[in-house]
Each structure stands twice: as C-alpha cells, then as structure tokens.
PDB file of N, CA and C in Angstrom:
ATOM      1  N   LEU A   1      27.926  16.584 126.837  1.00  0.00           N
ATOM      2  CA  LEU A   1      27.590  15.362 126.116  1.00  0.00           C
ATOM      3  C   LEU A   1      28.853  14.619 125.714  1.00  0.00           C
ATOM      4  N   VAL A   2      29.854  15.328 125.199  1.00  0.00           N
ATOM      5  CA  VAL A   2      31.096  14.685 124.785  1.00  0.00           C
ATOM      6  C   VAL A   2      31.788  14.048 125.978  1.00  0.00           C
ATOM      7  N   VAL A   3      31.798  14.734 127.129  1.00  0.00           N
ATOM      8  CA  VAL A   3      32.420  14.199 128.323  1.00  0.00           C
ATOM      9  C   VAL A   3      31.732  12.916 128.743  1.00  0.00           C
ATOM     10  N   ALA A   4      30.405  12.863 128.648  1.00  0.00           N
ATOM     11  CA  ALA A   4      29.665  11.657 129.022  1.00  0.00           C
ATOM     12  C   ALA A   4      30.047  10.490 128.127  1.00  0.00           C
ATOM     13  N   LEU A   5      30.280  10.747 126.872  1.00  0.00           N
ATOM     14  CA  LEU A   5      30.677   9.675 125.958  1.00  0.00           C
ATOM     15  C   LEU A   5      32.041   9.122 126.307  1.00  0.00           C
ATOM     16  N   LEU A   6      32.923   9.950 126.811  1.00  0.00           N
ATOM     17  CA  LEU A   6      34.272   9.499 127.113  1.00  0.00           C
ATOM     18  C   LEU A   6      34.326   8.563 128.309  1.00  0.00           C
ATOM     19  N   PHE A   7      33.298   8.540 129.131  1.00  0.00           N
ATOM     20  CA  PHE A   7      33.315   7.663 130.286  1.00  0.00           C
ATOM     21  C   PHE A   7      33.036   6.215 129.914  1.00  0.00           C
ATOM     22  N   SER A   8      32.589   5.969 128.742  1.00  0.00           N
ATOM     23  CA  SER A   8      32.347   4.606 128.295  1.00  0.00           C
ATOM     24  C   SER A   8      33.457   4.208 127.343  1.00  0.00           C
ATOM     25  N   CYS A   9      34.216   3.204 127.748  1.00  0.00           N
ATOM     26  CA  CYS A   9      35.340   2.800 126.914  1.00  0.00           C
ATOM     27  C   CYS A   9      34.860   2.248 125.573  1.00  0.00           C
ATOM     28  N   SER A  10      33.710   1.574 125.567  1.00  0.00           N
ATOM     29  CA  SER A  10      33.200   1.070 124.297  1.00  0.00           C
ATOM     30  C   SER A  10      32.883   2.225 123.363  1.00  0.00           C
ATOM     31  N   MET A  11      32.387   3.317 123.928  1.00  0.00           N
ATOM     32  CA  MET A  11      32.147   4.489 123.108  1.00  0.00           C
ATOM     33  C   MET A  11      33.460   5.077 122.612  1.00  0.00           C
ATOM     34  N   CYS A  12      34.489   5.011 123.462  1.00  0.00           N
ATOM     35  CA  CYS A  12      35.798   5.514 123.044  1.00  0.00           C
ATOM     36  C   CYS A  12      36.317   4.716 121.871  1.00  0.00           C
ATOM     37  N   ARG A  13      36.164   3.410 121.951  1.00  0.00           N
ATOM     38  CA  ARG A  13      36.645   2.574 120.852  1.00  0.00           C
ATOM     39  C   ARG A  13      35.893   2.906 119.572  1.00  0.00           C
ATOM     40  N   ALA A  14      34.590   3.117 119.684  1.00  0.00           N
ATOM     41  CA  ALA A  14      33.811   3.462 118.499  1.00  0.00           C
ATOM     42  C   ALA A  14      34.234   4.815 117.950  1.00  0.00           C
ATOM     43  N   PHE A  15      34.481   5.778 118.849  1.00  0.00           N
ATOM     44  CA  PHE A  15      34.887   7.112 118.430  1.00  0.00           C
ATOM     45  C   PHE A  15      36.269   7.105 117.794  1.00  0.00           C
ATOM     46  N   ALA A  16      37.137   6.211 118.259  1.00  0.00           N
ATOM     47  CA  ALA A  16      38.519   6.241 117.839  1.00  0.00           C
ATOM     48  C   ALA A  16      38.793   5.451 116.573  1.00  0.00           C
ATOM     49  N   VAL A  17      37.775   4.895 115.960  1.00  0.00           N
ATOM     50  CA  VAL A  17      38.000   4.138 114.734  1.00  0.00           C
ATOM     51  C   VAL A  17      38.647   5.052 113.710  1.00  0.00           C
ATOM     52  N   PRO A  18      39.761   4.605 113.116  1.00  0.00           N
ATOM     53  CA  PRO A  18      40.474   5.469 112.164  1.00  0.00           C
ATOM     54  C   PRO A  18      39.598   5.850 110.976  1.00  0.00           C
ATOM     55  N   SER A  19      39.882   6.997 110.435  1.00  0.00           N
ATOM     56  CA  SER A  19      39.142   7.458 109.277  1.00  0.00           C
ATOM     57  C   SER A  19      39.496   6.606 108.067  1.00  0.00           C
ATOM     58  N   PRO A  20      38.656   6.599 107.045  1.00  0.00           N
ATOM     59  CA  PRO A  20      38.923   5.789 105.860  1.00  0.00           C
ATOM     60  C   PRO A  20      40.173   6.207 105.093  1.00  0.00           C
ATOM     61  N   GLN A  21      40.796   7.302 105.474  1.00  0.00           N
ATOM     62  CA  GLN A  21      41.974   7.777 104.768  1.00  0.00           C
ATOM     63  C   GLN A  21      43.227   7.081 105.280  1.00  0.00           C
ATOM     64  N   ALA A  22      43.205   5.760 105.278  1.00  0.00           N
ATOM     65  CA  ALA A  22      44.364   5.010 105.760  1.00  0.00           C
ATOM     66  C   ALA A  22      45.580   5.380 104.924  1.00  0.00           C
ATOM     67  N   GLY A  23      46.708   5.388 105.573  1.00  0.00           N
ATOM     68  CA  GLY A  23      47.937   5.743 104.889  1.00  0.00           C
ATOM     69  C   GLY A  23      48.329   7.188 105.114  1.00  0.00           C
ATOM     70  N   SER A  24      47.425   7.957 105.692  1.00  0.00           N
ATOM     71  CA  SER A  24      47.793   9.341 105.965  1.00  0.00           C
ATOM     72  C   SER A  24      48.726   9.394 107.164  1.00  0.00           C
ATOM     73  N   ASP A  25      49.444  10.491 107.296  1.00  0.00           N
ATOM     74  CA  ASP A  25      50.386  10.650 108.397  1.00  0.00           C
ATOM     75  C   ASP A  25      49.682  10.744 109.742  1.00  0.00           C
ATOM     76  N   ARG A  26      48.423  11.075 109.781  1.00  0.00           N
ATOM     77  CA  ARG A  26      47.713  11.312 111.034  1.00  0.00           C
ATOM     78  C   ARG A  26      46.717  10.204 111.346  1.00  0.00           C
ATOM     79  N   GLU A  27      46.914   8.983 110.837  1.00  0.00           N
ATOM     80  CA  GLU A  27      45.930   7.934 111.088  1.00  0.00           C
ATOM     81  C   GLU A  27      45.888   7.515 112.550  1.00  0.00           C
ATOM     82  N   ASP A  28      46.879   7.885 113.351  1.00  0.00           N
ATOM     83  CA  ASP A  28      46.841   7.577 114.778  1.00  0.00           C
ATOM     84  C   ASP A  28      46.173   8.690 115.590  1.00  0.00           C
ATOM     85  N   ALA A  29      45.866   9.809 114.959  1.00  0.00           N
ATOM     86  CA  ALA A  29      45.354  10.973 115.689  1.00  0.00           C
ATOM     87  C   ALA A  29      44.077  10.691 116.477  1.00  0.00           C
ATOM     88  N   PRO A  30      43.068   9.988 115.929  1.00  0.00           N
ATOM     89  CA  PRO A  30      41.864   9.765 116.744  1.00  0.00           C
ATOM     90  C   PRO A  30      42.161   8.977 118.018  1.00  0.00           C
ATOM     91  N   TYR A  31      42.967   7.942 117.923  1.00  0.00           N
ATOM     92  CA  TYR A  31      43.322   7.174 119.110  1.00  0.00           C
ATOM     93  C   TYR A  31      44.074   8.042 120.115  1.00  0.00           C
ATOM     94  N   LYS A  32      45.038   8.779 119.642  1.00  0.00           N
ATOM     95  CA  LYS A  32      45.831   9.629 120.529  1.00  0.00           C
ATOM     96  C   LYS A  32      44.942  10.644 121.242  1.00  0.00           C
ATOM     97  N   GLN A  33      44.011  11.236 120.514  1.00  0.00           N
ATOM     98  CA  GLN A  33      43.123  12.231 121.105  1.00  0.00           C
ATOM     99  C   GLN A  33      42.235  11.614 122.176  1.00  0.00           C
ATOM    100  N   VAL A  34      41.731  10.410 121.929  1.00  0.00           N
ATOM    101  CA  VAL A  34      40.884   9.752 122.926  1.00  0.00           C
ATOM    102  C   VAL A  34      41.722   9.361 124.132  1.00  0.00           C
ATOM    103  N   LEU A  35      42.941   8.858 123.920  1.00  0.00           N
ATOM    104  CA  LEU A  35      43.823   8.518 125.033  1.00  0.00           C
ATOM    105  C   LEU A  35      44.110   9.753 125.889  1.00  0.00           C
ATOM    106  N   GLN A  36      44.350  10.878 125.246  1.00  0.00           N
ATOM    107  CA  GLN A  36      44.601  12.123 125.987  1.00  0.00           C
ATOM    108  C   GLN A  36      43.362  12.560 126.761  1.00  0.00           C
ATOM    109  N   ALA A  37      42.191  12.438 126.153  1.00  0.00           N
ATOM    110  CA  ALA A  37      40.951  12.823 126.831  1.00  0.00           C
ATOM    111  C   ALA A  37      40.689  11.914 128.032  1.00  0.00           C
ATOM    112  N   LEU A  38      40.977  10.632 127.890  1.00  0.00           N
ATOM    113  CA  LEU A  38      40.810   9.712 129.010  1.00  0.00           C
ATOM    114  C   LEU A  38      41.755  10.073 130.151  1.00  0.00           C
ATOM    115  N   GLY A  39      42.974  10.463 129.810  1.00  0.00           N
ATOM    116  CA  GLY A  39      43.914  10.895 130.842  1.00  0.00           C
ATOM    117  C   GLY A  39      43.421  12.129 131.566  1.00  0.00           C
ATOM    118  N   ALA A  40      42.896  13.075 130.810  1.00  0.00           N
ATOM    119  CA  ALA A  40      42.382  14.304 131.419  1.00  0.00           C
ATOM    120  C   ALA A  40      41.190  14.022 132.327  1.00  0.00           C
ATOM    121  N   ALA A  41      40.451  12.951 132.023  1.00  0.00           N
ATOM    122  CA  ALA A  41      39.293  12.570 132.835  1.00  0.00           C
ATOM    123  C   ALA A  41      39.668  11.567 133.928  1.00  0.00           C
ATOM    124  N   SER A  42      40.968  11.325 134.117  1.00  0.00           N
ATOM    125  CA  SER A  42      41.466  10.376 135.121  1.00  0.00           C
ATOM    126  C   SER A  42      40.933   8.962 134.898  1.00  0.00           C
ATOM    127  N   LYS A  43      40.717   8.590 133.658  1.00  0.00           N
ATOM    128  CA  LYS A  43      40.226   7.263 133.296  1.00  0.00           C
ATOM    129  C   LYS A  43      41.376   6.421 132.728  1.00  0.00           C
ATOM    130  N   TRP A  44      42.413   6.233 133.539  1.00  0.00           N
ATOM    131  CA  TRP A  44      43.597   5.531 133.062  1.00  0.00           C
ATOM    132  C   TRP A  44      43.295   4.072 132.716  1.00  0.00           C
ATOM    133  N   GLN A  45      42.362   3.432 133.427  1.00  0.00           N
ATOM    134  CA  GLN A  45      42.035   2.046 133.115  1.00  0.00           C
ATOM    135  C   GLN A  45      41.441   1.932 131.714  1.00  0.00           C
ATOM    136  N   ASP A  46      40.572   2.872 131.370  1.00  0.00           N
ATOM    137  CA  ASP A  46      39.980   2.875 130.037  1.00  0.00           C
ATOM    138  C   ASP A  46      41.028   3.146 128.968  1.00  0.00           C
ATOM    139  N   ALA A  47      42.006   3.970 129.286  1.00  0.00           N
ATOM    140  CA  ALA A  47      43.098   4.225 128.338  1.00  0.00           C
ATOM    141  C   ALA A  47      43.885   2.933 128.079  1.00  0.00           C
ATOM    142  N   LEU A  48      44.111   2.138 129.132  1.00  0.00           N
ATOM    143  CA  LEU A  48      44.822   0.872 128.954  1.00  0.00           C
ATOM    144  C   LEU A  48      44.004  -0.112 128.130  1.00  0.00           C
ATOM    145  N   VAL A  49      42.688  -0.124 128.350  1.00  0.00           N
ATOM    146  CA  VAL A  49      41.816  -1.006 127.563  1.00  0.00           C
ATOM    147  C   VAL A  49      41.843  -0.584 126.101  1.00  0.00           C
ATOM    148  N   LEU A  50      41.781   0.707 125.848  1.00  0.00           N
ATOM    149  CA  LEU A  50      41.821   1.194 124.468  1.00  0.00           C
ATOM    150  C   LEU A  50      43.146   0.830 123.811  1.00  0.00           C
ATOM    151  N   LEU A  51      44.246   1.007 124.516  1.00  0.00           N
ATOM    152  CA  LEU A  51      45.552   0.656 123.955  1.00  0.00           C
ATOM    153  C   LEU A  51      45.605  -0.841 123.651  1.00  0.00           C
ATOM    154  N   ARG A  52      45.094  -1.660 124.572  1.00  0.00           N
ATOM    155  CA  ARG A  52      45.056  -3.110 124.339  1.00  0.00           C
ATOM    156  C   ARG A  52      44.219  -3.432 123.115  1.00  0.00           C
ATOM    157  N   ASP A  53      43.048  -2.794 123.004  1.00  0.00           N
ATOM    158  CA  ASP A  53      42.178  -3.043 121.868  1.00  0.00           C
ATOM    159  C   ASP A  53      42.816  -2.596 120.560  1.00  0.00           C
ATOM    160  N   MET A  54      43.571  -1.521 120.609  1.00  0.00           N
ATOM    161  CA  MET A  54      44.296  -1.092 119.410  1.00  0.00           C
ATOM    162  C   MET A  54      45.218  -2.206 118.936  1.00  0.00           C
ATOM    163  N   ARG A  55      45.865  -2.858 119.898  1.00  0.00           N
ATOM    164  CA  ARG A  55      46.824  -3.920 119.568  1.00  0.00           C
ATOM    165  C   ARG A  55      46.110  -5.171 119.068  1.00  0.00           C
ATOM    166  N   GLN A  56      44.969  -5.509 119.662  1.00  0.00           N
ATOM    167  CA  GLN A  56      44.334  -6.789 119.388  1.00  0.00           C
ATOM    168  C   GLN A  56      43.229  -6.742 118.347  1.00  0.00           C
ATOM    169  N   LEU A  57      42.471  -5.659 118.301  1.00  0.00           N
ATOM    170  CA  LEU A  57      41.259  -5.639 117.491  1.00  0.00           C
ATOM    171  C   LEU A  57      41.353  -4.824 116.212  1.00  0.00           C
ATOM    172  N   ASP A  58      42.325  -3.960 116.123  1.00  0.00           N
ATOM    173  CA  ASP A  58      42.395  -3.081 114.955  1.00  0.00           C
ATOM    174  C   ASP A  58      43.736  -3.240 114.264  1.00  0.00           C
ATOM    175  N   PRO A  59      43.776  -4.064 113.224  1.00  0.00           N
ATOM    176  CA  PRO A  59      45.056  -4.284 112.532  1.00  0.00           C
ATOM    177  C   PRO A  59      45.603  -3.035 111.845  1.00  0.00           C
ATOM    178  N   THR A  60      44.759  -2.023 111.655  1.00  0.00           N
ATOM    179  CA  THR A  60      45.240  -0.795 111.021  1.00  0.00           C
ATOM    180  C   THR A  60      45.716   0.231 112.041  1.00  0.00           C
ATOM    181  N   ALA A  61      45.551  -0.069 113.325  1.00  0.00           N
ATOM    182  CA  ALA A  61      45.956   0.887 114.357  1.00  0.00           C
ATOM    183  C   ALA A  61      47.460   1.095 114.332  1.00  0.00           C
ATOM    184  N   VAL A  62      47.852   2.317 114.525  1.00  0.00           N
ATOM    185  CA  VAL A  62      49.257   2.671 114.545  1.00  0.00           C
ATOM    186  C   VAL A  62      49.704   2.760 116.000  1.00  0.00           C
ATOM    187  N   LEU A  63      50.486   1.784 116.426  1.00  0.00           N
ATOM    188  CA  LEU A  63      51.064   1.830 117.768  1.00  0.00           C
ATOM    189  C   LEU A  63      52.415   2.508 117.640  1.00  0.00           C
ATOM    190  N   ASN A  64      52.481   3.735 118.101  1.00  0.00           N
ATOM    191  CA  ASN A  64      53.721   4.487 117.983  1.00  0.00           C
ATOM    192  C   ASN A  64      53.997   5.222 119.291  1.00  0.00           C
ATOM    193  N   SER A  65      55.037   5.998 119.300  1.00  0.00           N
ATOM    194  CA  SER A  65      55.421   6.689 120.528  1.00  0.00           C
ATOM    195  C   SER A  65      54.331   7.652 120.998  1.00  0.00           C
ATOM    196  N   ALA A  66      53.596   8.269 120.073  1.00  0.00           N
ATOM    197  CA  ALA A  66      52.535   9.200 120.466  1.00  0.00           C
ATOM    198  C   ALA A  66      51.413   8.469 121.209  1.00  0.00           C
ATOM    199  N   SER A  67      51.043   7.279 120.735  1.00  0.00           N
ATOM    200  CA  SER A  67      50.004   6.493 121.406  1.00  0.00           C
ATOM    201  C   SER A  67      50.457   6.077 122.801  1.00  0.00           C
ATOM    202  N   TYR A  68      51.686   5.585 122.892  1.00  0.00           N
ATOM    203  CA  TYR A  68      52.199   5.157 124.196  1.00  0.00           C
ATOM    204  C   TYR A  68      52.382   6.337 125.140  1.00  0.00           C
ATOM    205  N   ALA A  69      52.873   7.456 124.630  1.00  0.00           N
ATOM    206  CA  ALA A  69      53.055   8.629 125.484  1.00  0.00           C
ATOM    207  C   ALA A  69      51.716   9.088 126.047  1.00  0.00           C
ATOM    208  N   ALA A  70      50.667   9.074 125.230  1.00  0.00           N
ATOM    209  CA  ALA A  70      49.342   9.489 125.699  1.00  0.00           C
ATOM    210  C   ALA A  70      48.813   8.518 126.756  1.00  0.00           C
ATOM    211  N   ALA A  71      49.009   7.222 126.553  1.00  0.00           N
ATOM    212  CA  ALA A  71      48.544   6.231 127.531  1.00  0.00           C
ATOM    213  C   ALA A  71      49.344   6.326 128.832  1.00  0.00           C
ATOM    214  N   ILE A  72      50.649   6.528 128.715  1.00  0.00           N
ATOM    215  CA  ILE A  72      51.493   6.683 129.908  1.00  0.00           C
ATOM    216  C   ILE A  72      51.088   7.945 130.670  1.00  0.00           C
ATOM    217  N   ALA A  73      50.828   9.023 129.946  1.00  0.00           N
ATOM    218  CA  ALA A  73      50.395  10.260 130.594  1.00  0.00           C
ATOM    219  C   ALA A  73      49.048  10.068 131.284  1.00  0.00           C
ATOM    220  N   ALA A  74      48.161   9.263 130.684  1.00  0.00           N
ATOM    221  CA  ALA A  74      46.870   8.981 131.318  1.00  0.00           C
ATOM    222  C   ALA A  74      47.079   8.298 132.664  1.00  0.00           C
ATOM    223  N   CYS A  75      48.031   7.384 132.732  1.00  0.00           N
ATOM    224  CA  CYS A  75      48.351   6.740 134.012  1.00  0.00           C
ATOM    225  C   CYS A  75      48.937   7.760 134.986  1.00  0.00           C
ATOM    226  N   GLY A  76      49.774   8.618 134.488  1.00  0.00           N
ATOM    227  CA  GLY A  76      50.421   9.605 135.336  1.00  0.00           C
ATOM    228  C   GLY A  76      49.470  10.623 135.935  1.00  0.00           C
ATOM    229  N   GLN A  77      48.349  10.882 135.255  1.00  0.00           N
ATOM    230  CA  GLN A  77      47.381  11.859 135.760  1.00  0.00           C
ATOM    231  C   GLN A  77      46.866  11.479 137.143  1.00  0.00           C
ATOM    232  N   THR A  78      46.858  10.185 137.453  1.00  0.00           N
ATOM    233  CA  THR A  78      46.345   9.719 138.739  1.00  0.00           C
ATOM    234  C   THR A  78      47.424   9.035 139.576  1.00  0.00           C
ATOM    235  N   GLY A  79      48.692   9.251 139.205  1.00  0.00           N
ATOM    236  CA  GLY A  79      49.789   8.700 140.002  1.00  0.00           C
ATOM    237  C   GLY A  79      49.992   7.211 139.842  1.00  0.00           C
ATOM    238  N   GLN A  80      49.495   6.633 138.779  1.00  0.00           N
ATOM    239  CA  GLN A  80      49.642   5.201 138.531  1.00  0.00           C
ATOM    240  C   GLN A  80      50.997   4.917 137.877  1.00  0.00           C
ATOM    241  N   TRP A  81      52.063   5.271 138.593  1.00  0.00           N
ATOM    242  CA  TRP A  81      53.397   5.145 138.016  1.00  0.00           C
ATOM    243  C   TRP A  81      53.800   3.700 137.714  1.00  0.00           C
ATOM    244  N   PRO A  82      53.385   2.692 138.491  1.00  0.00           N
ATOM    245  CA  PRO A  82      53.778   1.329 138.101  1.00  0.00           C
ATOM    246  C   PRO A  82      53.228   0.943 136.724  1.00  0.00           C
ATOM    247  N   GLN A  83      51.981   1.343 136.437  1.00  0.00           N
ATOM    248  CA  GLN A  83      51.403   1.068 135.128  1.00  0.00           C
ATOM    249  C   GLN A  83      52.149   1.830 134.040  1.00  0.00           C
ATOM    250  N   ALA A  84      52.561   3.052 134.345  1.00  0.00           N
ATOM    251  CA  ALA A  84      53.297   3.851 133.366  1.00  0.00           C
ATOM    252  C   ALA A  84      54.615   3.174 133.010  1.00  0.00           C
ATOM    253  N   VAL A  85      55.306   2.653 134.001  1.00  0.00           N
ATOM    254  CA  VAL A  85      56.581   1.966 133.753  1.00  0.00           C
ATOM    255  C   VAL A  85      56.345   0.677 132.961  1.00  0.00           C
ATOM    256  N   LEU A  86      55.266  -0.034 133.282  1.00  0.00           N
ATOM    257  CA  LEU A  86      54.929  -1.236 132.515  1.00  0.00           C
ATOM    258  C   LEU A  86      54.662  -0.894 131.048  1.00  0.00           C
ATOM    259  N   LEU A  87      53.958   0.211 130.816  1.00  0.00           N
ATOM    260  CA  LEU A  87      53.696   0.634 129.436  1.00  0.00           C
ATOM    261  C   LEU A  87      54.980   1.019 128.714  1.00  0.00           C
ATOM    262  N   LEU A  88      55.896   1.657 129.426  1.00  0.00           N
ATOM    263  CA  LEU A  88      57.181   2.009 128.828  1.00  0.00           C
ATOM    264  C   LEU A  88      57.912   0.744 128.390  1.00  0.00           C
ATOM    265  N   ASN A  89      57.903  -0.263 129.243  1.00  0.00           N
ATOM    266  CA  ASN A  89      58.527  -1.540 128.894  1.00  0.00           C
ATOM    267  C   ASN A  89      57.808  -2.216 127.743  1.00  0.00           C
ATOM    268  N   GLN A  90      56.470  -2.137 127.731  1.00  0.00           N
ATOM    269  CA  GLN A  90      55.691  -2.731 126.642  1.00  0.00           C
ATOM    270  C   GLN A  90      56.010  -2.050 125.316  1.00  0.00           C
ATOM    271  N   ALA A  91      56.183  -0.751 125.341  1.00  0.00           N
ATOM    272  CA  ALA A  91      56.533  -0.028 124.120  1.00  0.00           C
ATOM    273  C   ALA A  91      57.854  -0.549 123.559  1.00  0.00           C
ATOM    274  N   SER A  92      58.814  -0.762 124.432  1.00  0.00           N
ATOM    275  CA  SER A  92      60.103  -1.300 123.982  1.00  0.00           C
ATOM    276  C   SER A  92      59.933  -2.692 123.389  1.00  0.00           C
ATOM    277  N   GLU A  93      59.125  -3.520 124.047  1.00  0.00           N
ATOM    278  CA  GLU A  93      58.872  -4.872 123.535  1.00  0.00           C
ATOM    279  C   GLU A  93      58.165  -4.840 122.191  1.00  0.00           C
ATOM    280  N   ASP A  94      57.343  -3.831 121.962  1.00  0.00           N
ATOM    281  CA  ASP A  94      56.631  -3.679 120.691  1.00  0.00           C
ATOM    282  C   ASP A  94      57.477  -2.969 119.635  1.00  0.00           C
ATOM    283  N   ASN A  95      58.748  -2.758 119.939  1.00  0.00           N
ATOM    284  CA  ASN A  95      59.676  -2.082 119.019  1.00  0.00           C
ATOM    285  C   ASN A  95      59.235  -0.665 118.666  1.00  0.00           C
ATOM    286  N   VAL A  96      58.615  -0.013 119.631  1.00  0.00           N
ATOM    287  CA  VAL A  96      58.244   1.389 119.470  1.00  0.00           C
ATOM    288  C   VAL A  96      59.380   2.232 120.023  1.00  0.00           C
ATOM    289  N   GLU A  97      59.785   3.227 119.258  1.00  0.00           N
ATOM    290  CA  GLU A  97      60.863   4.099 119.706  1.00  0.00           C
ATOM    291  C   GLU A  97      60.408   4.882 120.938  1.00  0.00           C
ATOM    292  N   CYS A  98      61.109   4.685 122.017  1.00  0.00           N
ATOM    293  CA  CYS A  98      60.797   5.422 123.245  1.00  0.00           C
ATOM    294  C   CYS A  98      61.561   6.738 123.203  1.00  0.00           C
ATOM    295  N   ASP A  99      60.920   7.740 122.643  1.00  0.00           N
ATOM    296  CA  ASP A  99      61.547   9.036 122.469  1.00  0.00           C
ATOM    297  C   ASP A  99      61.318   9.916 123.698  1.00  0.00           C
ATOM    298  N   GLN A 100      61.708  11.174 123.588  1.00  0.00           N
ATOM    299  CA  GLN A 100      61.635  12.092 124.715  1.00  0.00           C
ATOM    300  C   GLN A 100      60.222  12.235 125.278  1.00  0.00           C
ATOM    301  N   PRO A 101      59.169  12.371 124.464  1.00  0.00           N
ATOM    302  CA  PRO A 101      57.832  12.487 125.053  1.00  0.00           C
ATOM    303  C   PRO A 101      57.397  11.241 125.831  1.00  0.00           C
ATOM    304  N   VAL A 102      57.814  10.064 125.395  1.00  0.00           N
ATOM    305  CA  VAL A 102      57.453   8.833 126.102  1.00  0.00           C
ATOM    306  C   VAL A 102      58.147   8.799 127.464  1.00  0.00           C
ATOM    307  N   TYR A 103      59.456   9.053 127.476  1.00  0.00           N
ATOM    308  CA  TYR A 103      60.187   9.065 128.740  1.00  0.00           C
ATOM    309  C   TYR A 103      59.706  10.193 129.647  1.00  0.00           C
ATOM    310  N   SER A 104      59.410  11.335 129.077  1.00  0.00           N
ATOM    311  CA  SER A 104      58.930  12.457 129.872  1.00  0.00           C
ATOM    312  C   SER A 104      57.607  12.118 130.552  1.00  0.00           C
ATOM    313  N   ALA A 105      56.697  11.467 129.817  1.00  0.00           N
ATOM    314  CA  ALA A 105      55.418  11.068 130.406  1.00  0.00           C
ATOM    315  C   ALA A 105      55.632  10.059 131.536  1.00  0.00           C
ATOM    316  N   ALA A 106      56.554   9.117 131.341  1.00  0.00           N
ATOM    317  CA  ALA A 106      56.831   8.116 132.373  1.00  0.00           C
ATOM    318  C   ALA A 106      57.482   8.758 133.605  1.00  0.00           C
ATOM    319  N   ILE A 107      58.407   9.662 133.382  1.00  0.00           N
ATOM    320  CA  ILE A 107      59.055  10.361 134.500  1.00  0.00           C
ATOM    321  C   ILE A 107      58.036  11.206 135.255  1.00  0.00           C
ATOM    322  N   ASP A 108      57.162  11.895 134.527  1.00  0.00           N
ATOM    323  CA  ASP A 108      56.111  12.689 135.173  1.00  0.00           C
ATOM    324  C   ASP A 108      55.177  11.797 135.988  1.00  0.00           C
ATOM    325  N   ALA A 109      54.862  10.615 135.463  1.00  0.00           N
ATOM    326  CA  ALA A 109      53.996   9.687 136.194  1.00  0.00           C
ATOM    327  C   ALA A 109      54.658   9.244 137.491  1.00  0.00           C
ATOM    328  N   CYS A 110      55.939   8.949 137.431  1.00  0.00           N
ATOM    329  CA  CYS A 110      56.669   8.556 138.638  1.00  0.00           C
ATOM    330  C   CYS A 110      56.710   9.702 139.645  1.00  0.00           C
ATOM    331  N   ALA A 111      56.927  10.900 139.158  1.00  0.00           N
ATOM    332  CA  ALA A 111      56.960  12.059 140.044  1.00  0.00           C
ATOM    333  C   ALA A 111      55.598  12.281 140.694  1.00  0.00           C
ATOM    334  N   ALA A 112      54.518  12.114 139.928  1.00  0.00           N
ATOM    335  CA  ALA A 112      53.174  12.291 140.480  1.00  0.00           C
ATOM    336  C   ALA A 112      52.870  11.267 141.562  1.00  0.00           C
ATOM    337  N   GLY A 113      53.485  10.076 141.436  1.00  0.00           N
ATOM    338  CA  GLY A 113      53.284   9.035 142.426  1.00  0.00           C
ATOM    339  C   GLY A 113      54.346   9.015 143.509  1.00  0.00           C
ATOM    340  N   ASN A 114      55.164  10.076 143.568  1.00  0.00           N
ATOM    341  CA  ASN A 114      56.251  10.186 144.550  1.00  0.00           C
ATOM    342  C   ASN A 114      57.247   9.034 144.478  1.00  0.00           C
ATOM    343  N   ALA A 115      57.427   8.492 143.287  1.00  0.00           N
ATOM    344  CA  ALA A 115      58.407   7.424 143.063  1.00  0.00           C
ATOM    345  C   ALA A 115      59.669   8.052 142.471  1.00  0.00           C
ATOM    346  N   TRP A 116      60.351   8.842 143.290  1.00  0.00           N
ATOM    347  CA  TRP A 116      61.477   9.637 142.812  1.00  0.00           C
ATOM    348  C   TRP A 116      62.654   8.786 142.374  1.00  0.00           C
ATOM    349  N   GLU A 117      62.907   7.683 143.063  1.00  0.00           N
ATOM    350  CA  GLU A 117      64.016   6.819 142.661  1.00  0.00           C
ATOM    351  C   GLU A 117      63.776   6.250 141.268  1.00  0.00           C
ATOM    352  N   GLN A 118      62.540   5.803 141.013  1.00  0.00           N
ATOM    353  CA  GLN A 118      62.205   5.282 139.691  1.00  0.00           C
ATOM    354  C   GLN A 118      62.293   6.394 138.635  1.00  0.00           C
ATOM    355  N   ALA A 119      61.859   7.586 138.993  1.00  0.00           N
ATOM    356  CA  ALA A 119      61.934   8.720 138.058  1.00  0.00           C
ATOM    357  C   ALA A 119      63.388   8.998 137.680  1.00  0.00           C
ATOM    358  N   LEU A 120      64.284   8.952 138.656  1.00  0.00           N
ATOM    359  CA  LEU A 120      65.701   9.185 138.370  1.00  0.00           C
ATOM    360  C   LEU A 120      66.289   8.076 137.506  1.00  0.00           C
ATOM    361  N   LEU A 121      65.870   6.835 137.756  1.00  0.00           N
ATOM    362  CA  LEU A 121      66.339   5.742 136.914  1.00  0.00           C
ATOM    363  C   LEU A 121      65.904   5.929 135.463  1.00  0.00           C
ATOM    364  N   LEU A 122      64.673   6.350 135.273  1.00  0.00           N
ATOM    365  CA  LEU A 122      64.181   6.602 133.923  1.00  0.00           C
ATOM    366  C   LEU A 122      64.893   7.789 133.286  1.00  0.00           C
ATOM    367  N   PHE A 123      65.171   8.796 134.082  1.00  0.00           N
ATOM    368  CA  PHE A 123      65.894   9.960 133.569  1.00  0.00           C
ATOM    369  C   PHE A 123      67.275   9.553 133.075  1.00  0.00           C
ATOM    370  N   ASP A 124      67.950   8.693 133.826  1.00  0.00           N
ATOM    371  CA  ASP A 124      69.281   8.216 133.412  1.00  0.00           C
ATOM    372  C   ASP A 124      69.205   7.347 132.168  1.00  0.00           C
ATOM    373  N   ALA A 125      68.091   6.601 132.002  1.00  0.00           N
ATOM    374  CA  ALA A 125      67.951   5.715 130.856  1.00  0.00           C
ATOM    375  C   ALA A 125      67.535   6.450 129.591  1.00  0.00           C
ATOM    376  N   ALA A 126      66.932   7.627 129.746  1.00  0.00           N
ATOM    377  CA  ALA A 126      66.417   8.359 128.585  1.00  0.00           C
ATOM    378  C   ALA A 126      67.500   8.848 127.674  1.00  0.00           C
TER     379      ALA A 126
END
C-alpha cells in the first residue's frame, strides 16, 4: 500500500507536508524521506517535481544539502546524470552548501550513466 502511494507525486506532496513542529532540526526529514523513496522506486521525475514544489509551494520547506543530495541520488538511480548535474548547479544557485554527500550523489549519478569525464570533473571540483 505504501509503495502504491509513492507512485503518485500528488500523494508524495501530501505525505511530505512538514509536521507542525516547525523550527525543529528535522523539519526537512519528511521531504528527504520521500525523495529517497522516489529514488529507490526509480521515479526521478516525481522527485524533481517534489523538489520544485518545495521551492514554490511550501515557504516552510527547508532546501538544504540533504534535500538536494536525495533528489540528485534519485536521478542517479536511473542514470539521469544530466539532471543530476543540473540539480547540483541549482543547489549552488540557491546558496545551498554542496557538501560531500551532494557531490558524491552527483558523481555516482554520472558513473551510473557512464559519464566518466563529467564524474572526474565533479570529483576535481568537490
């Protein structure tokens, strides 16, 4: 039943609504968990929609390195390395610290898509 719910991005958005305990250190956890589940289900497009909706529809959403790393990893699960690199660039534009997990997810995505030159460029930039 839970897996069936994850296939609908609208259901993901409903599931990922932050808890009323705003201000807690883990207010990004529901979004991150849904992004990770979408990646595991190879639903990278839905992960991108959720990330976009976090930016546009939820002013309380926390866009941080964990959210971007999960979305980048979702792209990497299916070898969508160009999208992963675009997300890495978007994170920088959003002033999100691109830490080791973010770069690692992007490098893994490039490797999964056999984009070794791009993976090496990211490795040098990390």
